[in-house]
């Protein structure tokens, strides 16, 4: 994906590919690849597209969890909720219907789910 995106000039897919490649490296034990996930997310975001943003936040949270950065993973899971809400993020009540997925992730590393009341 990375080579094809570079050759064809697809910055969105290049960013996504780099983020997933870096996440795979983190899970394999290369903790130095964590910043590369953010670099890939930034590259994809610079295109103006928000497609896949929640999935990229989930990817980052999973990599942070694998790296033992539990507090950071919890914060990333919260950001994922807001990415899924889009413009409704200012209305915290609207996040209640989608908070289940990040809550499940947070439960896996014994963190408290955010209270959206």
Protein backbone atom coordinates (compact mmCIF):
# COMPACT_ATOMS: atom_id res chain seq x y z
CA UNK A 1 0.00 0.00 0.00
CA UNK A 2 2.81 2.40 0.88
CA UNK A 3 4.81 1.80 -2.30
CA UNK A 4 1.73 2.04 -4.52
CA UNK A 5 0.50 5.19 -2.79
CA UNK A 6 3.93 6.82 -3.16
CA UNK A 7 4.14 5.85 -6.84
CA UNK A 8 0.63 7.02 -7.68
CA UNK A 9 0.56 10.11 -5.45
CA UNK A 10 -2.22 9.09 -3.04
CA UNK A 11 -1.38 11.00 0.17
CA UNK A 12 -4.44 9.80 2.09
CA UNK A 13 -3.66 6.12 1.50
CA UNK A 14 0.03 6.76 2.06
CA UNK A 15 -0.78 8.13 5.51
CA UNK A 16 -3.10 5.24 6.32
CA UNK A 17 -0.53 2.72 5.14
CA UNK A 18 2.23 4.32 7.18
CA UNK A 19 0.02 4.41 10.28
CA UNK A 20 -0.86 0.71 9.97
CA UNK A 21 2.74 -0.26 9.23
CA UNK A 22 3.95 1.65 12.29
CA UNK A 23 1.23 0.08 14.47
CA UNK A 24 2.33 -3.39 13.37
CA UNK A 25 5.88 -2.50 14.34
CA UNK A 26 4.74 -1.30 17.78
CA UNK A 27 2.85 -4.53 18.41
CA UNK A 28 6.00 -6.42 17.36
CA UNK A 29 7.95 -4.57 20.05
CA UNK A 30 9.34 -1.51 18.23
CA UNK A 31 8.03 1.19 20.57
CA UNK A 32 9.94 3.84 18.63
CA UNK A 33 7.35 3.48 15.86
CA UNK A 34 4.58 5.10 17.96
CA UNK A 35 5.28 8.64 16.64
CA UNK A 36 5.13 7.26 13.11
CA UNK A 37 1.47 6.35 13.65
CA UNK A 38 0.77 10.00 14.38
CA UNK A 39 2.80 11.03 11.34
CA UNK A 40 0.69 8.75 9.15
CA UNK A 41 -2.52 10.07 10.69
CA UNK A 42 -1.36 13.64 10.07
CA UNK A 43 -0.51 12.88 6.45
CA UNK A 44 -3.95 11.37 5.88
CA UNK A 45 -5.60 14.29 7.68
CA UNK A 46 -3.77 16.88 5.59
CA UNK A 47 -5.83 15.78 2.60
CA UNK A 48 -8.92 17.22 4.27
CA UNK A 49 -10.61 13.83 4.41
CA UNK A 50 -11.89 12.60 7.74
CA UNK A 51 -12.74 9.18 6.36
CA UNK A 52 -11.41 6.52 8.65
CA UNK A 53 -10.50 8.93 11.44
CA UNK A 54 -12.21 6.85 14.16
CA UNK A 55 -10.44 3.72 12.91
CA UNK A 56 -7.07 5.48 12.98
CA UNK A 57 -7.71 6.68 16.54
CA UNK A 58 -8.62 3.09 17.48
CA UNK A 59 -5.41 1.88 15.83
CA UNK A 60 -3.39 4.39 17.82
CA UNK A 61 -5.11 3.42 21.09
CA UNK A 62 -4.43 -0.27 20.46
CA UNK A 63 -0.76 0.47 19.74
CA UNK A 64 -0.47 2.63 22.87
CA UNK A 65 -2.03 -0.18 24.88
CA UNK A 66 0.43 -2.68 23.40
CA UNK A 67 3.26 -0.31 24.35
CA UNK A 68 2.01 -0.13 27.93
CA UNK A 69 0.91 3.51 27.63
CA UNK A 70 -2.47 2.96 29.25
CA UNK A 71 -3.26 6.57 30.18
CA UNK A 72 -2.45 7.72 26.66
CA UNK A 73 -4.59 4.92 25.20
CA UNK A 74 -7.51 5.99 27.38
CA UNK A 75 -7.20 9.58 26.13
CA UNK A 76 -6.99 8.38 22.55
CA UNK A 77 -10.15 6.31 23.05
CA UNK A 78 -11.92 9.46 24.22
CA UNK A 79 -10.71 11.28 21.11
CA UNK A 80 -12.08 8.41 19.03
CA UNK A 81 -15.55 9.01 20.49
CA UNK A 82 -15.39 12.65 19.49
CA UNK A 83 -14.11 11.75 16.01
CA UNK A 84 -17.13 9.50 15.59
CA UNK A 85 -19.48 12.24 16.75
CA UNK A 86 -18.16 14.79 14.28
CA UNK A 87 -19.81 18.16 14.76
CA UNK A 88 -21.99 16.74 17.50
CA UNK A 89 -18.91 16.48 19.75
CA UNK A 90 -19.98 19.65 21.54
CA UNK A 91 -23.12 17.81 22.66
CA UNK A 92 -21.67 15.19 24.99
CA UNK A 93 -25.03 13.49 25.29
CA UNK A 94 -24.84 12.51 21.63
CA UNK A 95 -21.76 10.44 22.34
CA UNK A 96 -23.65 8.05 24.61
CA UNK A 97 -24.84 5.88 21.74
CA UNK A 98 -21.30 5.19 20.50
CA UNK A 99 -19.32 5.16 23.73
CA UNK A 100 -19.62 1.37 24.02
CA UNK A 101 -16.70 0.52 21.73
CA UNK A 102 -14.12 2.73 23.47
CA UNK A 103 -15.52 1.62 26.84
CA UNK A 104 -14.80 -1.98 25.91
CA UNK A 105 -11.25 -1.03 24.95
CA UNK A 106 -10.76 0.86 28.20
CA UNK A 107 -12.12 -2.07 30.21
CA UNK A 108 -9.40 -4.26 28.73
CA UNK A 109 -6.74 -2.20 30.46
CA UNK A 110 -8.77 -1.43 33.59
CA UNK A 111 -9.35 2.24 32.86
CA UNK A 112 -12.50 4.10 33.69
CA UNK A 113 -14.77 4.93 30.79
CA UNK A 114 -15.60 8.62 30.37
CA UNK A 115 -18.85 9.80 31.92
CA UNK A 116 -20.93 11.50 29.22
CA UNK A 117 -23.81 12.61 31.44
